[in-house]
Amino acid sequence: AFPVDATPADPHADARRHVVEAIALDAELHGGIVSPNRVRAHLAAMPEWEVPPSCVGSTYRALRLAGHLAYAGTEISDDVRGGNAGKIHRTYRWVGVA
């Protein structure tokens, strides 16, 4: 089960699941630490997933509020497309899902 439940009427349910999959993959590959830069790269590598940018931030927020992600530090964003390149953003520790 994914930690971000979506209602059947949620038009972005698949996109949210893909964001969680990318976050979990990044954590698995990097000792539990999640970098939004790397997650964005994972999502970009799977264009067939069609994840709207608005789903990414809201999914991170839901995971943080549910206790599945914890603050780990900061890094410099490389998000040129989103206009956030050079800005500081948070990195997270994946707490996981039972």
PDB file of N, CA and C in Angstrom:
ATOM      1  N   ALA A   1       0.848  -1.194   0.000  1.00  0.00           N
ATOM      2  CA  ALA A   1       0.000   0.000   0.000  1.00  0.00           C
ATOM      3  C   ALA A   1       0.884   1.244   0.000  1.00  0.00           C
ATOM      4  N   PHE A   2       0.442   2.216  -0.743  1.00  0.00           N
ATOM      5  CA  PHE A   2       1.184   3.460  -0.807  1.00  0.00           C
ATOM      6  C   PHE A   2       0.763   4.362   0.333  1.00  0.00           C
ATOM      7  N   PRO A   3       1.682   5.155   0.864  1.00  0.00           N
ATOM      8  CA  PRO A   3       1.366   6.007   2.009  1.00  0.00           C
ATOM      9  C   PRO A   3       0.516   7.215   1.654  1.00  0.00           C
ATOM     10  N   VAL A   4       0.305   7.490   0.392  1.00  0.00           N
ATOM     11  CA  VAL A   4      -0.531   8.613  -0.010  1.00  0.00           C
ATOM     12  C   VAL A   4      -1.771   8.031  -0.667  1.00  0.00           C
ATOM     13  N   ASP A   5      -2.825   7.930   0.124  1.00  0.00           N
ATOM     14  CA  ASP A   5      -4.058   7.367  -0.401  1.00  0.00           C
ATOM     15  C   ASP A   5      -4.766   8.392  -1.262  1.00  0.00           C
ATOM     16  N   ALA A   6      -5.287   7.928  -2.356  1.00  0.00           N
ATOM     17  CA  ALA A   6      -6.044   8.782  -3.261  1.00  0.00           C
ATOM     18  C   ALA A   6      -7.451   8.218  -3.384  1.00  0.00           C
ATOM     19  N   THR A   7      -8.407   9.086  -3.448  1.00  0.00           N
ATOM     20  CA  THR A   7      -9.780   8.649  -3.617  1.00  0.00           C
ATOM     21  C   THR A   7      -9.966   8.159  -5.048  1.00  0.00           C
ATOM     22  N   PRO A   8     -10.943   7.292  -5.275  1.00  0.00           N
ATOM     23  CA  PRO A   8     -11.160   6.800  -6.643  1.00  0.00           C
ATOM     24  C   PRO A   8     -11.426   7.929  -7.640  1.00  0.00           C
ATOM     25  N   ALA A   9     -11.967   9.037  -7.170  1.00  0.00           N
ATOM     26  CA  ALA A   9     -12.270  10.152  -8.062  1.00  0.00           C
ATOM     27  C   ALA A   9     -11.058  11.058  -8.294  1.00  0.00           C
ATOM     28  N   ASP A  10      -9.951  10.766  -7.656  1.00  0.00           N
ATOM     29  CA  ASP A  10      -8.756  11.603  -7.783  1.00  0.00           C
ATOM     30  C   ASP A  10      -8.143  11.414  -9.166  1.00  0.00           C
ATOM     31  N   PRO A  11      -8.178  12.454 -10.016  1.00  0.00           N
ATOM     32  CA  PRO A  11      -7.628  12.308 -11.368  1.00  0.00           C
ATOM     33  C   PRO A  11      -6.110  12.158 -11.393  1.00  0.00           C
ATOM     34  N   HIS A  12      -5.452  12.431 -10.263  1.00  0.00           N
ATOM     35  CA  HIS A  12      -3.996  12.350 -10.209  1.00  0.00           C
ATOM     36  C   HIS A  12      -3.504  11.173  -9.366  1.00  0.00           C
ATOM     37  N   ALA A  13      -4.369  10.212  -9.108  1.00  0.00           N
ATOM     38  CA  ALA A  13      -3.994   9.085  -8.250  1.00  0.00           C
ATOM     39  C   ALA A  13      -2.753   8.366  -8.775  1.00  0.00           C
ATOM     40  N   ASP A  14      -2.716   8.083 -10.077  1.00  0.00           N
ATOM     41  CA  ASP A  14      -1.552   7.396 -10.643  1.00  0.00           C
ATOM     42  C   ASP A  14      -0.307   8.262 -10.535  1.00  0.00           C
ATOM     43  N   ALA A  15      -0.448   9.562 -10.791  1.00  0.00           N
ATOM     44  CA  ALA A  15       0.707  10.471 -10.706  1.00  0.00           C
ATOM     45  C   ALA A  15       1.260  10.482  -9.288  1.00  0.00           C
ATOM     46  N   ARG A  16       0.385  10.531  -8.297  1.00  0.00           N
ATOM     47  CA  ARG A  16       0.843  10.532  -6.893  1.00  0.00           C
ATOM     48  C   ARG A  16       1.581   9.234  -6.574  1.00  0.00           C
ATOM     49  N   ARG A  17       1.074   8.126  -7.058  1.00  0.00           N
ATOM     50  CA  ARG A  17       1.751   6.837  -6.830  1.00  0.00           C
ATOM     51  C   ARG A  17       3.133   6.833  -7.480  1.00  0.00           C
ATOM     52  N   HIS A  18       3.241   7.419  -8.653  1.00  0.00           N
ATOM     53  CA  HIS A  18       4.537   7.479  -9.333  1.00  0.00           C
ATOM     54  C   HIS A  18       5.530   8.343  -8.563  1.00  0.00           C
ATOM     55  N   VAL A  19       5.061   9.440  -7.982  1.00  0.00           N
ATOM     56  CA  VAL A  19       5.948  10.288  -7.169  1.00  0.00           C
ATOM     57  C   VAL A  19       6.438   9.491  -5.965  1.00  0.00           C
ATOM     58  N   VAL A  20       5.546   8.769  -5.307  1.00  0.00           N
ATOM     59  CA  VAL A  20       5.954   7.952  -4.157  1.00  0.00           C
ATOM     60  C   VAL A  20       6.953   6.888  -4.597  1.00  0.00           C
ATOM     61  N   GLU A  21       6.723   6.276  -5.749  1.00  0.00           N
ATOM     62  CA  GLU A  21       7.663   5.268  -6.256  1.00  0.00           C
ATOM     63  C   GLU A  21       9.039   5.882  -6.498  1.00  0.00           C
ATOM     64  N   ALA A  22       9.078   7.079  -7.068  1.00  0.00           N
ATOM     65  CA  ALA A  22      10.359   7.749  -7.336  1.00  0.00           C
ATOM     66  C   ALA A  22      11.059   8.118  -6.032  1.00  0.00           C
ATOM     67  N   ILE A  23      10.305   8.565  -5.047  1.00  0.00           N
ATOM     68  CA  ILE A  23      10.881   8.906  -3.744  1.00  0.00           C
ATOM     69  C   ILE A  23      11.439   7.649  -3.078  1.00  0.00           C
ATOM     70  N   ALA A  24      10.666   6.580  -3.083  1.00  0.00           N
ATOM     71  CA  ALA A  24      11.109   5.330  -2.457  1.00  0.00           C
ATOM     72  C   ALA A  24      12.354   4.775  -3.163  1.00  0.00           C
ATOM     73  N   LEU A  25      12.380   4.859  -4.485  1.00  0.00           N
ATOM     74  CA  LEU A  25      13.549   4.401  -5.239  1.00  0.00           C
ATOM     75  C   LEU A  25      14.785   5.214  -4.868  1.00  0.00           C
ATOM     76  N   ASP A  26      14.627   6.529  -4.796  1.00  0.00           N
ATOM     77  CA  ASP A  26      15.766   7.374  -4.456  1.00  0.00           C
ATOM     78  C   ASP A  26      16.279   7.035  -3.062  1.00  0.00           C
ATOM     79  N   ALA A  27      15.368   6.836  -2.132  1.00  0.00           N
ATOM     80  CA  ALA A  27      15.773   6.466  -0.770  1.00  0.00           C
ATOM     81  C   ALA A  27      16.508   5.132  -0.760  1.00  0.00           C
ATOM     82  N   GLU A  28      15.999   4.183  -1.515  1.00  0.00           N
ATOM     83  CA  GLU A  28      16.634   2.866  -1.568  1.00  0.00           C
ATOM     84  C   GLU A  28      18.042   2.934  -2.145  1.00  0.00           C
ATOM     85  N   LEU A  29      18.215   3.769  -3.158  1.00  0.00           N
ATOM     86  CA  LEU A  29      19.521   3.876  -3.817  1.00  0.00           C
ATOM     87  C   LEU A  29      20.532   4.723  -3.046  1.00  0.00           C
ATOM     88  N   HIS A  30      20.053   5.524  -2.078  1.00  0.00           N
ATOM     89  CA  HIS A  30      20.937   6.475  -1.408  1.00  0.00           C
ATOM     90  C   HIS A  30      20.847   6.395   0.119  1.00  0.00           C
ATOM     91  N   GLY A  31      20.754   5.187   0.634  1.00  0.00           N
ATOM     92  CA  GLY A  31      20.824   4.975   2.070  1.00  0.00           C
ATOM     93  C   GLY A  31      19.718   5.640   2.859  1.00  0.00           C
ATOM     94  N   GLY A  32      18.551   5.779   2.265  1.00  0.00           N
ATOM     95  CA  GLY A  32      17.412   6.350   2.974  1.00  0.00           C
ATOM     96  C   GLY A  32      17.247   7.850   2.808  1.00  0.00           C
ATOM     97  N   ILE A  33      18.210   8.502   2.182  1.00  0.00           N
ATOM     98  CA  ILE A  33      18.132   9.952   1.985  1.00  0.00           C
ATOM     99  C   ILE A  33      17.495  10.252   0.634  1.00  0.00           C
ATOM    100  N   VAL A  34      16.536  11.181   0.650  1.00  0.00           N
ATOM    101  CA  VAL A  34      15.790  11.547  -0.551  1.00  0.00           C
ATOM    102  C   VAL A  34      16.171  12.959  -0.970  1.00  0.00           C
ATOM    103  N   SER A  35      16.616  13.093  -2.204  1.00  0.00           N
ATOM    104  CA  SER A  35      16.964  14.382  -2.792  1.00  0.00           C
ATOM    105  C   SER A  35      15.907  14.753  -3.828  1.00  0.00           C
ATOM    106  N   PRO A  36      15.223  15.872  -3.654  1.00  0.00           N
ATOM    107  CA  PRO A  36      14.271  16.294  -4.687  1.00  0.00           C
ATOM    108  C   PRO A  36      14.907  16.422  -6.072  1.00  0.00           C
ATOM    109  N   ASN A  37      16.182  16.770  -6.124  1.00  0.00           N
ATOM    110  CA  ASN A  37      16.865  16.836  -7.426  1.00  0.00           C
ATOM    111  C   ASN A  37      16.883  15.462  -8.091  1.00  0.00           C
ATOM    112  N   ARG A  38      17.236  14.444  -7.333  1.00  0.00           N
ATOM    113  CA  ARG A  38      17.295  13.094  -7.897  1.00  0.00           C
ATOM    114  C   ARG A  38      15.898  12.549  -8.199  1.00  0.00           C
ATOM    115  N   VAL A  39      14.940  12.854  -7.328  1.00  0.00           N
ATOM    116  CA  VAL A  39      13.565  12.395  -7.571  1.00  0.00           C
ATOM    117  C   VAL A  39      13.042  13.004  -8.863  1.00  0.00           C
ATOM    118  N   ARG A  40      13.309  14.284  -9.067  1.00  0.00           N
ATOM    119  CA  ARG A  40      12.890  14.952 -10.307  1.00  0.00           C
ATOM    120  C   ARG A  40      13.523  14.254 -11.511  1.00  0.00           C
ATOM    121  N   ALA A  41      14.782  13.851 -11.392  1.00  0.00           N
ATOM    122  CA  ALA A  41      15.458  13.139 -12.482  1.00  0.00           C
ATOM    123  C   ALA A  41      14.813  11.774 -12.720  1.00  0.00           C
ATOM    124  N   HIS A  42      14.445  11.070 -11.660  1.00  0.00           N
ATOM    125  CA  HIS A  42      13.752   9.782 -11.812  1.00  0.00           C
ATOM    126  C   HIS A  42      12.439   9.975 -12.571  1.00  0.00           C
ATOM    127  N   LEU A  43      11.692  11.000 -12.191  1.00  0.00           N
ATOM    128  CA  LEU A  43      10.411  11.259 -12.845  1.00  0.00           C
ATOM    129  C   LEU A  43      10.604  11.647 -14.313  1.00  0.00           C
ATOM    130  N   ALA A  44      11.624  12.445 -14.590  1.00  0.00           N
ATOM    131  CA  ALA A  44      11.897  12.867 -15.962  1.00  0.00           C
ATOM    132  C   ALA A  44      12.305  11.679 -16.837  1.00  0.00           C
ATOM    133  N   ALA A  45      12.924  10.676 -16.217  1.00  0.00           N
ATOM    134  CA  ALA A  45      13.355   9.493 -16.960  1.00  0.00           C
ATOM    135  C   ALA A  45      12.178   8.597 -17.333  1.00  0.00           C
ATOM    136  N   MET A  46      11.009   8.883 -16.776  1.00  0.00           N
ATOM    137  CA  MET A  46       9.808   8.089 -17.047  1.00  0.00           C
ATOM    138  C   MET A  46       8.695   8.992 -17.577  1.00  0.00           C
ATOM    139  N   PRO A  47       8.872   9.588 -18.751  1.00  0.00           N
ATOM    140  CA  PRO A  47       7.873  10.550 -19.254  1.00  0.00           C
ATOM    141  C   PRO A  47       6.485   9.945 -19.431  1.00  0.00           C
ATOM    142  N   GLU A  48       6.411   8.638 -19.597  1.00  0.00           N
ATOM    143  CA  GLU A  48       5.103   8.008 -19.750  1.00  0.00           C
ATOM    144  C   GLU A  48       4.268   8.091 -18.462  1.00  0.00           C
ATOM    145  N   TRP A  49       4.911   8.425 -17.345  1.00  0.00           N
ATOM    146  CA  TRP A  49       4.174   8.555 -16.088  1.00  0.00           C
ATOM    147  C   TRP A  49       3.309   9.810 -16.061  1.00  0.00           C
ATOM    148  N   GLU A  50       3.650  10.814 -16.843  1.00  0.00           N
ATOM    149  CA  GLU A  50       2.862  12.039 -16.939  1.00  0.00           C
ATOM    150  C   GLU A  50       2.482  12.599 -15.563  1.00  0.00           C
ATOM    151  N   VAL A  51       3.481  13.026 -14.822  1.00  0.00           N
ATOM    152  CA  VAL A  51       3.271  13.583 -13.482  1.00  0.00           C
ATOM    153  C   VAL A  51       3.248  15.105 -13.564  1.00  0.00           C
ATOM    154  N   PRO A  52       2.092  15.727 -13.285  1.00  0.00           N
ATOM    155  CA  PRO A  52       2.042  17.192 -13.279  1.00  0.00           C
ATOM    156  C   PRO A  52       2.880  17.741 -12.116  1.00  0.00           C
ATOM    157  N   PRO A  53       3.577  18.846 -12.320  1.00  0.00           N
ATOM    158  CA  PRO A  53       4.403  19.407 -11.247  1.00  0.00           C
ATOM    159  C   PRO A  53       3.636  19.650  -9.952  1.00  0.00           C
ATOM    160  N   SER A  54       2.366  19.983 -10.048  1.00  0.00           N
ATOM    161  CA  SER A  54       1.578  20.252  -8.836  1.00  0.00           C
ATOM    162  C   SER A  54       1.427  19.020  -7.951  1.00  0.00           C
ATOM    163  N   CYS A  55       1.547  17.837  -8.533  1.00  0.00           N
ATOM    164  CA  CYS A  55       1.429  16.601  -7.744  1.00  0.00           C
ATOM    165  C   CYS A  55       2.681  16.312  -6.933  1.00  0.00           C
ATOM    166  N   VAL A  56       3.810  16.808  -7.379  1.00  0.00           N
ATOM    167  CA  VAL A  56       5.068  16.490  -6.704  1.00  0.00           C
ATOM    168  C   VAL A  56       5.101  17.122  -5.313  1.00  0.00           C
ATOM    169  N   GLY A  57       4.930  18.425  -5.239  1.00  0.00           N
ATOM    170  CA  GLY A  57       4.975  19.113  -3.956  1.00  0.00           C
ATOM    171  C   GLY A  57       3.895  18.647  -2.999  1.00  0.00           C
ATOM    172  N   SER A  58       2.690  18.428  -3.512  1.00  0.00           N
ATOM    173  CA  SER A  58       1.601  17.995  -2.629  1.00  0.00           C
ATOM    174  C   SER A  58       1.847  16.585  -2.099  1.00  0.00           C
ATOM    175  N   THR A  59       2.507  15.745  -2.896  1.00  0.00           N
ATOM    176  CA  THR A  59       2.813  14.389  -2.429  1.00  0.00           C
ATOM    177  C   THR A  59       3.898  14.422  -1.358  1.00  0.00           C
ATOM    178  N   TYR A  60       4.931  15.243  -1.555  1.00  0.00           N
ATOM    179  CA  TYR A  60       5.949  15.403  -0.502  1.00  0.00           C
ATOM    180  C   TYR A  60       5.281  15.867   0.799  1.00  0.00           C
ATOM    181  N   ARG A  61       4.402  16.846   0.691  1.00  0.00           N
ATOM    182  CA  ARG A  61       3.733  17.391   1.879  1.00  0.00           C
ATOM    183  C   ARG A  61       2.929  16.303   2.589  1.00  0.00           C
ATOM    184  N   ALA A  62       2.163  15.524   1.830  1.00  0.00           N
ATOM    185  CA  ALA A  62       1.365  14.454   2.427  1.00  0.00           C
ATOM    186  C   ALA A  62       2.260  13.419   3.115  1.00  0.00           C
ATOM    187  N   LEU A  63       3.386  13.089   2.491  1.00  0.00           N
ATOM    188  CA  LEU A  63       4.310  12.133   3.096  1.00  0.00           C
ATOM    189  C   LEU A  63       4.932  12.675   4.375  1.00  0.00           C
ATOM    190  N   ARG A  64       5.275  13.966   4.372  1.00  0.00           N
ATOM    191  CA  ARG A  64       5.834  14.581   5.590  1.00  0.00           C
ATOM    192  C   ARG A  64       4.796  14.577   6.712  1.00  0.00           C
ATOM    193  N   LEU A  65       3.587  14.991   6.403  1.00  0.00           N
ATOM    194  CA  LEU A  65       2.537  15.068   7.424  1.00  0.00           C
ATOM    195  C   LEU A  65       2.181  13.693   7.980  1.00  0.00           C
ATOM    196  N   ALA A  66       2.289  12.666   7.146  1.00  0.00           N
ATOM    197  CA  ALA A  66       1.991  11.307   7.587  1.00  0.00           C
ATOM    198  C   ALA A  66       3.166  10.663   8.320  1.00  0.00           C
ATOM    199  N   GLY A  67       4.308  11.363   8.369  1.00  0.00           N
ATOM    200  CA  GLY A  67       5.470  10.838   9.079  1.00  0.00           C
ATOM    201  C   GLY A  67       6.338   9.897   8.263  1.00  0.00           C
ATOM    202  N   HIS A  68       6.129   9.842   6.944  1.00  0.00           N
ATOM    203  CA  HIS A  68       6.917   8.952   6.102  1.00  0.00           C
ATOM    204  C   HIS A  68       8.217   9.581   5.615  1.00  0.00           C
ATOM    205  N   LEU A  69       8.298  10.904   5.670  1.00  0.00           N
ATOM    206  CA  LEU A  69       9.525  11.624   5.343  1.00  0.00           C
ATOM    207  C   LEU A  69       9.875  12.531   6.510  1.00  0.00           C
ATOM    208  N   ALA A  70      11.148  12.575   6.847  1.00  0.00           N
ATOM    209  CA  ALA A  70      11.637  13.453   7.913  1.00  0.00           C
ATOM    210  C   ALA A  70      12.748  14.338   7.353  1.00  0.00           C
ATOM    211  N   TYR A  71      12.824  15.536   7.851  1.00  0.00           N
ATOM    212  CA  TYR A  71      13.856  16.491   7.431  1.00  0.00           C
ATOM    213  C   TYR A  71      15.237  15.882   7.642  1.00  0.00           C
ATOM    214  N   ALA A  72      16.101  15.996   6.618  1.00  0.00           N
ATOM    215  CA  ALA A  72      17.459  15.457   6.731  1.00  0.00           C
ATOM    216  C   ALA A  72      18.528  16.518   6.524  1.00  0.00           C
ATOM    217  N   GLY A  73      18.190  17.595   5.847  1.00  0.00           N
ATOM    218  CA  GLY A  73      19.182  18.626   5.565  1.00  0.00           C
ATOM    219  C   GLY A  73      18.721  19.488   4.411  1.00  0.00           C
ATOM    220  N   THR A  74      19.687  20.139   3.773  1.00  0.00           N
ATOM    221  CA  THR A  74      19.371  20.988   2.623  1.00  0.00           C
ATOM    222  C   THR A  74      20.363  20.736   1.494  1.00  0.00           C
ATOM    223  N   GLU A  75      19.981  21.179   0.314  1.00  0.00           N
ATOM    224  CA  GLU A  75      20.858  21.145  -0.847  1.00  0.00           C
ATOM    225  C   GLU A  75      20.409  22.263  -1.784  1.00  0.00           C
ATOM    226  N   ILE A  76      21.197  22.485  -2.806  1.00  0.00           N
ATOM    227  CA  ILE A  76      20.872  23.510  -3.799  1.00  0.00           C
ATOM    228  C   ILE A  76      20.051  22.862  -4.915  1.00  0.00           C
ATOM    229  N   SER A  77      18.922  23.453  -5.226  1.00  0.00           N
ATOM    230  CA  SER A  77      18.058  22.935  -6.285  1.00  0.00           C
ATOM    231  C   SER A  77      18.697  23.119  -7.653  1.00  0.00           C
ATOM    232  N   ASP A  78      18.493  22.117  -8.509  1.00  0.00           N
ATOM    233  CA  ASP A  78      18.934  22.229  -9.898  1.00  0.00           C
ATOM    234  C   ASP A  78      17.719  22.313 -10.839  1.00  0.00           C
ATOM    235  N   ASP A  79      16.586  22.712 -10.294  1.00  0.00           N
ATOM    236  CA  ASP A  79      15.316  22.759 -11.033  1.00  0.00           C
ATOM    237  C   ASP A  79      15.217  24.008 -11.904  1.00  0.00           C
ATOM    238  N   VAL A  80      15.849  23.954 -13.067  1.00  0.00           N
ATOM    239  CA  VAL A  80      15.825  25.084 -13.998  1.00  0.00           C
ATOM    240  C   VAL A  80      14.416  25.271 -14.557  1.00  0.00           C
ATOM    241  N   ARG A  81      13.783  24.181 -14.958  1.00  0.00           N
ATOM    242  CA  ARG A  81      12.449  24.241 -15.560  1.00  0.00           C
ATOM    243  C   ARG A  81      11.430  24.888 -14.628  1.00  0.00           C
ATOM    244  N   GLY A  82      11.494  24.570 -13.341  1.00  0.00           N
ATOM    245  CA  GLY A  82      10.555  25.113 -12.366  1.00  0.00           C
ATOM    246  C   GLY A  82      10.956  26.476 -11.833  1.00  0.00           C
ATOM    247  N   GLY A  83      12.113  26.974 -12.262  1.00  0.00           N
ATOM    248  CA  GLY A  83      12.563  28.290 -11.825  1.00  0.00           C
ATOM    249  C   GLY A  83      13.159  28.319 -10.431  1.00  0.00           C
ATOM    250  N   ASN A  84      13.529  27.157  -9.914  1.00  0.00           N
ATOM    251  CA  ASN A  84      14.073  27.101  -8.558  1.00  0.00           C
ATOM    252  C   ASN A  84      15.567  26.813  -8.503  1.00  0.00           C
ATOM    253  N   ALA A  85      16.221  26.765  -9.656  1.00  0.00           N
ATOM    254  CA  ALA A  85      17.655  26.473  -9.684  1.00  0.00           C
ATOM    255  C   ALA A  85      18.414  27.482  -8.845  1.00  0.00           C
ATOM    256  N   GLY A  86      19.320  26.970  -8.024  1.00  0.00           N
ATOM    257  CA  GLY A  86      20.145  27.822  -7.174  1.00  0.00           C
ATOM    258  C   GLY A  86      19.543  28.101  -5.816  1.00  0.00           C
ATOM    259  N   LYS A  87      18.280  27.761  -5.638  1.00  0.00           N
ATOM    260  CA  LYS A  87      17.631  27.980  -4.342  1.00  0.00           C
ATOM    261  C   LYS A  87      17.879  26.780  -3.433  1.00  0.00           C
ATOM    262  N   ILE A  88      17.866  27.038  -2.146  1.00  0.00           N
ATOM    263  CA  ILE A  88      18.046  25.966  -1.170  1.00  0.00           C
ATOM    264  C   ILE A  88      16.705  25.263  -0.960  1.00  0.00           C
ATOM    265  N   HIS A  89      16.744  23.937  -0.954  1.00  0.00           N
ATOM    266  CA  HIS A  89      15.550  23.175  -0.600  1.00  0.00           C
ATOM    267  C   HIS A  89      15.930  22.022   0.315  1.00  0.00           C
ATOM    268  N   ARG A  90      14.930  21.427   0.914  1.00  0.00           N
ATOM    269  CA  ARG A  90      15.138  20.371   1.909  1.00  0.00           C
ATOM    270  C   ARG A  90      15.437  19.028   1.253  1.00  0.00           C
ATOM    271  N   THR A  91      16.190  18.234   1.970  1.00  0.00           N
ATOM    272  CA  THR A  91      16.321  16.809   1.655  1.00  0.00           C
ATOM    273  C   THR A  91      15.641  16.077   2.796  1.00  0.00           C
ATOM    274  N   TYR A  92      15.313  14.810   2.567  1.00  0.00           N
ATOM    275  CA  TYR A  92      14.519  14.068   3.535  1.00  0.00           C
ATOM    276  C   TYR A  92      15.119  12.705   3.793  1.00  0.00           C
ATOM    277  N   ARG A  93      14.728  12.152   4.914  1.00  0.00           N
ATOM    278  CA  ARG A  93      15.047  10.759   5.257  1.00  0.00           C
ATOM    279  C   ARG A  93      13.738   9.984   5.114  1.00  0.00           C
ATOM    280  N   TRP A  94      13.781   8.907   4.350  1.00  0.00           N
ATOM    281  CA  TRP A  94      12.609   8.068   4.142  1.00  0.00           C
ATOM    282  C   TRP A  94      12.399   7.222   5.386  1.00  0.00           C
ATOM    283  N   VAL A  95      11.282   7.413   6.023  1.00  0.00           N
ATOM    284  CA  VAL A  95      10.971   6.643   7.225  1.00  0.00           C
ATOM    285  C   VAL A  95      10.322   5.329   6.820  1.00  0.00           C
ATOM    286  N   GLY A  96       9.727   5.308   5.650  1.00  0.00           N
ATOM    287  CA  GLY A  96       9.195   4.068   5.096  1.00  0.00           C
ATOM    288  C   GLY A  96       7.741   3.822   5.399  1.00  0.00           C
ATOM    289  N   VAL A  97       7.304   2.716   4.926  1.00  0.00           N
ATOM    290  CA  VAL A  97       5.902   2.343   5.039  1.00  0.00           C
ATOM    291  C   VAL A  97       5.834   0.917   5.552  1.00  0.00           C
ATOM    292  N   ALA A  98       4.932   0.692   6.488  1.00  0.00           N
ATOM    293  CA  ALA A  98       4.774  -0.659   7.037  1.00  0.00           C
ATOM    294  C   ALA A  98       4.034  -1.549   6.058  1.00  0.00           C
TER     295      ALA A  98
END
